[in-house]
Amino acid sequence: MHELQMGPFAKKMSATFKEIVLTLARQGHNIIIDDVAFGAKEIDLWRKTLKDYKVLWIGLTTPVEHLEEREKTRTGRIKGSARAQHRVVHTGVQYDLEFDTSKESLEDIVEAIQKRVRPTKTHENKAL
């Protein structure tokens, strides 16, 4: 089994990515971050980076067999990397919302996320 590790270049790129996202957040942008973080340690770095901002943490999971099927159809993938990532990506991570993409449709996932981020109606409009 492969063990995936970030080398110096990947670590620098990851830190730079976080700085770019932080700059966008400081400028008031709403941001969706799609990142394969390698476990709680990496997520903790994101949490520290974005500690002053409202963040909805979402985990997308699927059984390893599904990941391995996807891996076969994608070019440039290291055989076994899906299984290696599956073992560590979600380990020790707490999410606000978590979805299994093998069981839930994209539409249902989007709807659930939208319900969490839409402002709630606090009063009804009344005719004067």
C-alpha atoms as a PDB file:
ATOM      1  CA  MET A   1       0.000   0.000   0.000  1.00  0.00           C
ATOM      2  CA  HIS A   2       1.183   3.487  -0.833  1.00  0.00           C
ATOM      3  CA  GLU A   3       1.739   6.113   1.803  1.00  0.00           C
ATOM      4  CA  LEU A   4       1.203   9.581   0.403  1.00  0.00           C
ATOM      5  CA  GLN A   5       3.233  12.437   1.795  1.00  0.00           C
ATOM      6  CA  MET A   6       3.648  16.041   0.778  1.00  0.00           C
ATOM      7  CA  GLY A   7       7.129  17.015  -0.290  1.00  0.00           C
ATOM      8  CA  PRO A   8       8.610  20.515   0.103  1.00  0.00           C
ATOM      9  CA  PHE A   9       6.989  21.861  -3.082  1.00  0.00           C
ATOM     10  CA  ALA A  10       3.522  20.539  -2.174  1.00  0.00           C
ATOM     11  CA  LYS A  11       3.840  21.952   1.360  1.00  0.00           C
ATOM     12  CA  LYS A  12       4.770  25.360  -0.038  1.00  0.00           C
ATOM     13  CA  MET A  13       1.866  25.256  -2.515  1.00  0.00           C
ATOM     14  CA  SER A  14      -0.546  24.253   0.262  1.00  0.00           C
ATOM     15  CA  ALA A  15       0.591  27.164   2.449  1.00  0.00           C
ATOM     16  CA  THR A  16       0.345  29.556  -0.503  1.00  0.00           C
ATOM     17  CA  PHE A  17      -3.171  28.317  -1.287  1.00  0.00           C
ATOM     18  CA  LYS A  18      -4.233  29.028   2.295  1.00  0.00           C
ATOM     19  CA  GLU A  19      -2.778  32.547   2.089  1.00  0.00           C
ATOM     20  CA  ILE A  20      -4.652  33.223  -1.165  1.00  0.00           C
ATOM     21  CA  VAL A  21      -7.924  32.036   0.378  1.00  0.00           C
ATOM     22  CA  LEU A  22      -7.291  34.172   3.469  1.00  0.00           C
ATOM     23  CA  THR A  23      -6.670  37.229   1.280  1.00  0.00           C
ATOM     24  CA  LEU A  24      -9.947  36.626  -0.558  1.00  0.00           C
ATOM     25  CA  ALA A  25     -11.795  36.206   2.760  1.00  0.00           C
ATOM     26  CA  ARG A  26     -10.313  39.448   4.092  1.00  0.00           C
ATOM     27  CA  GLN A  27     -11.657  41.206   0.997  1.00  0.00           C
ATOM     28  CA  GLY A  28     -15.167  39.937   1.742  1.00  0.00           C
ATOM     29  CA  HIS A  29     -15.462  37.210  -0.870  1.00  0.00           C
ATOM     30  CA  ASN A  30     -17.642  34.168  -0.283  1.00  0.00           C
ATOM     31  CA  ILE A  31     -15.456  31.176  -1.084  1.00  0.00           C
ATOM     32  CA  ILE A  32     -15.889  27.483  -1.744  1.00  0.00           C
ATOM     33  CA  ILE A  33     -12.682  25.572  -1.083  1.00  0.00           C
ATOM     34  CA  ASP A  34     -12.249  22.143  -2.640  1.00  0.00           C
ATOM     35  CA  ASP A  35      -9.232  20.590  -0.976  1.00  0.00           C
ATOM     36  CA  VAL A  36      -8.111  17.052  -0.260  1.00  0.00           C
ATOM     37  CA  ALA A  37      -6.619  17.640   3.162  1.00  0.00           C
ATOM     38  CA  PHE A  38      -4.713  14.738   4.654  1.00  0.00           C
ATOM     39  CA  GLY A  39      -6.507  14.311   7.960  1.00  0.00           C
ATOM     40  CA  ALA A  40      -7.142  16.377  11.052  1.00  0.00           C
ATOM     41  CA  LYS A  41      -3.688  18.005  11.079  1.00  0.00           C
ATOM     42  CA  GLU A  42      -4.272  19.577   7.661  1.00  0.00           C
ATOM     43  CA  ILE A  43      -7.837  20.584   8.529  1.00  0.00           C
ATOM     44  CA  ASP A  44      -6.555  22.172  11.737  1.00  0.00           C
ATOM     45  CA  LEU A  45      -4.266  24.361   9.605  1.00  0.00           C
ATOM     46  CA  TRP A  46      -7.317  25.456   7.590  1.00  0.00           C
ATOM     47  CA  ARG A  47      -9.266  26.092  10.805  1.00  0.00           C
ATOM     48  CA  LYS A  48      -6.404  28.213  12.159  1.00  0.00           C
ATOM     49  CA  THR A  49      -6.112  30.138   8.888  1.00  0.00           C
ATOM     50  CA  LEU A  50      -9.848  30.891   8.754  1.00  0.00           C
ATOM     51  CA  LYS A  51     -10.483  31.254  12.503  1.00  0.00           C
ATOM     52  CA  ASP A  52     -11.893  34.773  12.129  1.00  0.00           C
ATOM     53  CA  TYR A  53     -14.447  33.802   9.467  1.00  0.00           C
ATOM     54  CA  LYS A  54     -17.700  31.895   9.349  1.00  0.00           C
ATOM     55  CA  VAL A  55     -16.947  28.542   7.721  1.00  0.00           C
ATOM     56  CA  LEU A  56     -19.169  25.576   6.916  1.00  0.00           C
ATOM     57  CA  TRP A  57     -16.987  22.455   7.034  1.00  0.00           C
ATOM     58  CA  ILE A  58     -18.244  19.779   4.652  1.00  0.00           C
ATOM     59  CA  GLY A  59     -16.886  16.261   4.240  1.00  0.00           C
ATOM     60  CA  LEU A  60     -17.571  14.256   1.088  1.00  0.00           C
ATOM     61  CA  THR A  61     -17.004  10.546   1.469  1.00  0.00           C
ATOM     62  CA  THR A  62     -17.566   7.419  -0.580  1.00  0.00           C
ATOM     63  CA  PRO A  63     -16.572   3.780  -0.150  1.00  0.00           C
ATOM     64  CA  VAL A  64     -13.006   2.972  -1.151  1.00  0.00           C
ATOM     65  CA  GLU A  65     -14.267   0.657  -3.907  1.00  0.00           C
ATOM     66  CA  HIS A  66     -15.902   3.633  -5.637  1.00  0.00           C
ATOM     67  CA  LEU A  67     -12.705   5.644  -5.337  1.00  0.00           C
ATOM     68  CA  GLU A  68     -10.681   2.821  -6.841  1.00  0.00           C
ATOM     69  CA  GLU A  69     -13.064   2.604  -9.820  1.00  0.00           C
ATOM     70  CA  ARG A  70     -12.676   6.342 -10.398  1.00  0.00           C
ATOM     71  CA  GLU A  71      -8.919   5.993 -10.080  1.00  0.00           C
ATOM     72  CA  LYS A  72      -8.866   3.478 -12.947  1.00  0.00           C
ATOM     73  CA  THR A  73     -10.602   5.910 -15.302  1.00  0.00           C
ATOM     74  CA  ARG A  74      -8.400   8.924 -14.547  1.00  0.00           C
ATOM     75  CA  THR A  75      -5.088   9.431 -16.252  1.00  0.00           C
ATOM     76  CA  GLY A  76      -2.004  10.344 -14.297  1.00  0.00           C
ATOM     77  CA  ARG A  77      -3.118   8.671 -11.087  1.00  0.00           C
ATOM     78  CA  ILE A  78      -0.788   6.507  -9.032  1.00  0.00           C
ATOM     79  CA  LYS A  79      -2.398   3.100  -8.637  1.00  0.00           C
ATOM     80  CA  GLY A  80      -3.300   2.649  -4.971  1.00  0.00           C
ATOM     81  CA  SER A  81      -3.385   6.361  -4.160  1.00  0.00           C
ATOM     82  CA  ALA A  82      -7.188   6.329  -3.759  1.00  0.00           C
ATOM     83  CA  ARG A  83      -6.957   3.663  -1.062  1.00  0.00           C
ATOM     84  CA  ALA A  84      -4.072   5.474   0.639  1.00  0.00           C
ATOM     85  CA  GLN A  85      -5.970   8.777   0.648  1.00  0.00           C
ATOM     86  CA  HIS A  86      -9.142   7.083   1.863  1.00  0.00           C
ATOM     87  CA  ARG A  87      -7.320   5.882   4.975  1.00  0.00           C
ATOM     88  CA  VAL A  88      -6.195   9.352   6.084  1.00  0.00           C
ATOM     89  CA  VAL A  89      -8.291  12.128   4.555  1.00  0.00           C
ATOM     90  CA  HIS A  90     -11.198  12.034   7.023  1.00  0.00           C
ATOM     91  CA  THR A  91      -9.370  10.547  10.023  1.00  0.00           C
ATOM     92  CA  GLY A  92     -10.113  12.590  13.136  1.00  0.00           C
ATOM     93  CA  VAL A  93     -11.949  15.333  11.228  1.00  0.00           C
ATOM     94  CA  GLN A  94     -15.238  16.786  12.466  1.00  0.00           C
ATOM     95  CA  TYR A  95     -17.535  18.329   9.862  1.00  0.00           C
ATOM     96  CA  ASP A  96     -20.652  20.470  10.067  1.00  0.00           C
ATOM     97  CA  LEU A  97     -22.150  18.392   7.250  1.00  0.00           C
ATOM     98  CA  GLU A  98     -21.004  15.069   5.819  1.00  0.00           C
ATOM     99  CA  PHE A  99     -22.259  13.292   2.720  1.00  0.00           C
ATOM    100  CA  ASP A 100     -21.632   9.886   1.172  1.00  0.00           C
ATOM    101  CA  THR A 101     -21.599  10.586  -2.570  1.00  0.00           C
ATOM    102  CA  SER A 102     -22.402   6.944  -3.329  1.00  0.00           C
ATOM    103  CA  LYS A 103     -25.736   7.269  -1.503  1.00  0.00           C
ATOM    104  CA  GLU A 104     -26.748  10.893  -1.952  1.00  0.00           C
ATOM    105  CA  SER A 105     -27.357  12.693  -5.219  1.00  0.00           C
ATOM    106  CA  LEU A 106     -25.548  15.876  -6.101  1.00  0.00           C
ATOM    107  CA  GLU A 107     -28.894  17.680  -6.079  1.00  0.00           C
ATOM    108  CA  ASP A 108     -29.680  16.504  -2.529  1.00  0.00           C
ATOM    109  CA  ILE A 109     -26.219  17.496  -1.324  1.00  0.00           C
ATOM    110  CA  VAL A 110     -26.503  20.965  -2.857  1.00  0.00           C
ATOM    111  CA  GLU A 111     -29.969  21.413  -1.352  1.00  0.00           C
ATOM    112  CA  ALA A 112     -28.753  20.446   2.130  1.00  0.00           C
ATOM    113  CA  ILE A 113     -25.831  22.869   1.890  1.00  0.00           C
ATOM    114  CA  GLN A 114     -28.061  25.668   0.626  1.00  0.00           C
ATOM    115  CA  LYS A 115     -30.413  25.159   3.571  1.00  0.00           C
ATOM    116  CA  ARG A 116     -27.473  25.670   5.933  1.00  0.00           C
ATOM    117  CA  VAL A 117     -26.144  28.821   4.287  1.00  0.00           C
ATOM    118  CA  ARG A 118     -29.372  30.610   3.355  1.00  0.00           C
ATOM    119  CA  PRO A 119     -30.556  33.216   5.814  1.00  0.00           C
ATOM    120  CA  THR A 120     -33.633  32.035   7.683  1.00  0.00           C
ATOM    121  CA  LYS A 121     -36.875  33.920   7.422  1.00  0.00           C
ATOM    122  CA  THR A 122     -37.387  35.702  10.757  1.00  0.00           C
ATOM    123  CA  HIS A 123     -40.712  37.297   9.983  1.00  0.00           C
ATOM    124  CA  GLU A 124     -43.498  37.085   7.450  1.00  0.00           C
ATOM    125  CA  ASN A 125     -44.270  39.870   5.023  1.00  0.00           C
ATOM    126  CA  LYS A 126     -47.590  41.427   5.966  1.00  0.00           C
ATOM    127  CA  ALA A 127     -49.766  43.633   3.806  1.00  0.00           C
ATOM    128  CA  LEU A 128     -50.323  47.089   5.250  1.00  0.00           C
END
